[in-house]
Amino acid sequence: SLYGRDFLRDAARLLSVHHPDHDDVVDVQFREHGYLFLSSSLEGKRQLEQNHRLQKSLGCRDHVLLTPLQLKERFPWLNVE
């Protein structure tokens, strides 16, 4: 969820303990990498497009739908045929 992502992004500030003698900084080691969902069928493509529209309508701004050519440019090791 966006809330969970934002919480983890800001975890160091939110969870740190400030003490007069020292500060305890929390590192939750959150690394954003995202997900890559692929489809090899027309039905799967339609489902991905529907999911994309839903995510956008719910406020997700970090969500992109790539064409096979865009996938190949971004992930050259990926077989898009």
C-alpha atoms as a PDB file:
ATOM      1  CA  SER A   1       0.000   0.000   0.000  1.00  0.00           C
ATOM      2  CA  LEU A   2       1.038   3.603  -0.391  1.00  0.00           C
ATOM      3  CA  TYR A   3       0.793   4.094   3.387  1.00  0.00           C
ATOM      4  CA  GLY A   4       3.154   1.196   4.046  1.00  0.00           C
ATOM      5  CA  ARG A   5       5.610   2.384   1.419  1.00  0.00           C
ATOM      6  CA  ASP A   6       5.610   5.930   2.784  1.00  0.00           C
ATOM      7  CA  PHE A   7       6.032   4.665   6.358  1.00  0.00           C
ATOM      8  CA  LEU A   8       9.048   2.582   5.378  1.00  0.00           C
ATOM      9  CA  ARG A   9      10.549   5.459   3.371  1.00  0.00           C
ATOM     10  CA  ASP A  10      10.391   7.641   6.499  1.00  0.00           C
ATOM     11  CA  ALA A  11      11.081   4.904   9.077  1.00  0.00           C
ATOM     12  CA  ALA A  12      14.456   6.319  10.162  1.00  0.00           C
ATOM     13  CA  ARG A  13      12.835   9.567  11.283  1.00  0.00           C
ATOM     14  CA  LEU A  14       9.652   8.001  12.636  1.00  0.00           C
ATOM     15  CA  LEU A  15      11.312   5.252  14.672  1.00  0.00           C
ATOM     16  CA  SER A  16      14.478   7.011  15.857  1.00  0.00           C
ATOM     17  CA  VAL A  17      14.903   7.587  19.576  1.00  0.00           C
ATOM     18  CA  HIS A  18      16.433  10.900  20.601  1.00  0.00           C
ATOM     19  CA  HIS A  19      18.315  10.917  23.872  1.00  0.00           C
ATOM     20  CA  PRO A  20      20.413  13.732  25.387  1.00  0.00           C
ATOM     21  CA  ASP A  21      23.532  11.536  25.305  1.00  0.00           C
ATOM     22  CA  HIS A  22      22.997   9.838  21.940  1.00  0.00           C
ATOM     23  CA  ASP A  23      20.551   9.274  19.116  1.00  0.00           C
ATOM     24  CA  ASP A  24      19.468   5.773  18.135  1.00  0.00           C
ATOM     25  CA  VAL A  25      18.815   5.779  14.410  1.00  0.00           C
ATOM     26  CA  VAL A  26      16.775   2.920  13.013  1.00  0.00           C
ATOM     27  CA  ASP A  27      17.679   1.520   9.602  1.00  0.00           C
ATOM     28  CA  VAL A  28      14.969  -0.846   8.370  1.00  0.00           C
ATOM     29  CA  GLN A  29      17.002  -1.355   5.174  1.00  0.00           C
ATOM     30  CA  PHE A  30      14.040  -0.607   2.955  1.00  0.00           C
ATOM     31  CA  ARG A  31      15.031  -0.746  -0.703  1.00  0.00           C
ATOM     32  CA  GLU A  32      12.473   0.106  -3.340  1.00  0.00           C
ATOM     33  CA  HIS A  33      12.759  -2.113  -6.371  1.00  0.00           C
ATOM     34  CA  GLY A  34       9.161  -2.556  -7.418  1.00  0.00           C
ATOM     35  CA  TYR A  35       7.542  -5.405  -9.288  1.00  0.00           C
ATOM     36  CA  LEU A  36       7.468  -6.495 -12.884  1.00  0.00           C
ATOM     37  CA  PHE A  37       4.287  -8.252 -13.977  1.00  0.00           C
ATOM     38  CA  LEU A  38       4.338  -9.867 -17.422  1.00  0.00           C
ATOM     39  CA  SER A  39       1.798 -11.580 -19.606  1.00  0.00           C
ATOM     40  CA  SER A  40       2.169 -13.909 -22.567  1.00  0.00           C
ATOM     41  CA  SER A  41      -1.487 -13.928 -23.622  1.00  0.00           C
ATOM     42  CA  LEU A  42      -4.062 -11.425 -24.852  1.00  0.00           C
ATOM     43  CA  GLU A  43      -6.278 -12.213 -21.847  1.00  0.00           C
ATOM     44  CA  GLY A  44      -3.353 -11.540 -19.517  1.00  0.00           C
ATOM     45  CA  LYS A  45      -2.595  -8.280 -21.300  1.00  0.00           C
ATOM     46  CA  ARG A  46      -6.188  -7.156 -20.824  1.00  0.00           C
ATOM     47  CA  GLN A  47      -5.995  -8.025 -17.131  1.00  0.00           C
ATOM     48  CA  LEU A  48      -2.779  -6.025 -16.732  1.00  0.00           C
ATOM     49  CA  GLU A  49      -4.403  -3.051 -18.480  1.00  0.00           C
ATOM     50  CA  GLN A  50      -7.433  -3.295 -16.198  1.00  0.00           C
ATOM     51  CA  ASN A  51      -5.203  -3.515 -13.113  1.00  0.00           C
ATOM     52  CA  HIS A  52      -3.226  -0.503 -14.348  1.00  0.00           C
ATOM     53  CA  ARG A  53      -6.379   1.606 -14.712  1.00  0.00           C
ATOM     54  CA  LEU A  54      -7.523   0.583 -11.229  1.00  0.00           C
ATOM     55  CA  GLN A  55      -4.167   1.416  -9.632  1.00  0.00           C
ATOM     56  CA  LYS A  56      -4.141   4.835 -11.308  1.00  0.00           C
ATOM     57  CA  SER A  57      -7.732   5.546 -10.226  1.00  0.00           C
ATOM     58  CA  LEU A  58      -6.734   4.767  -6.617  1.00  0.00           C
ATOM     59  CA  GLY A  59      -3.885   7.272  -6.674  1.00  0.00           C
ATOM     60  CA  CYS A  60      -0.866   5.125  -7.502  1.00  0.00           C
ATOM     61  CA  ARG A  61       1.595   7.354  -9.341  1.00  0.00           C
ATOM     62  CA  ASP A  62       4.561   4.942  -9.420  1.00  0.00           C
ATOM     63  CA  HIS A  63       2.808   2.486 -11.714  1.00  0.00           C
ATOM     64  CA  VAL A  64       3.613   2.222 -15.418  1.00  0.00           C
ATOM     65  CA  LEU A  65       2.367  -0.016 -18.198  1.00  0.00           C
ATOM     66  CA  LEU A  66       5.084  -0.771 -20.746  1.00  0.00           C
ATOM     67  CA  THR A  67       4.828  -1.959 -24.329  1.00  0.00           C
ATOM     68  CA  PRO A  68       7.039  -4.865 -25.466  1.00  0.00           C
ATOM     69  CA  LEU A  69       9.432  -2.384 -27.099  1.00  0.00           C
ATOM     70  CA  GLN A  70       9.667  -0.326 -23.884  1.00  0.00           C
ATOM     71  CA  LEU A  71      10.281  -3.519 -21.912  1.00  0.00           C
ATOM     72  CA  LYS A  72      13.098  -4.516 -24.271  1.00  0.00           C
ATOM     73  CA  GLU A  73      14.703  -1.060 -23.956  1.00  0.00           C
ATOM     74  CA  ARG A  74      14.491  -1.091 -20.163  1.00  0.00           C
ATOM     75  CA  PHE A  75      15.334  -4.768 -19.650  1.00  0.00           C
ATOM     76  CA  PRO A  76      17.523  -5.845 -22.593  1.00  0.00           C
ATOM     77  CA  TRP A  77      17.880  -9.384 -21.210  1.00  0.00           C
ATOM     78  CA  LEU A  78      14.115  -9.932 -21.378  1.00  0.00           C
ATOM     79  CA  ASN A  79      12.680 -11.941 -24.287  1.00  0.00           C
ATOM     80  CA  VAL A  80       9.543 -10.027 -25.298  1.00  0.00           C
ATOM     81  CA  GLU A  81       8.516 -12.260 -28.212  1.00  0.00           C
END
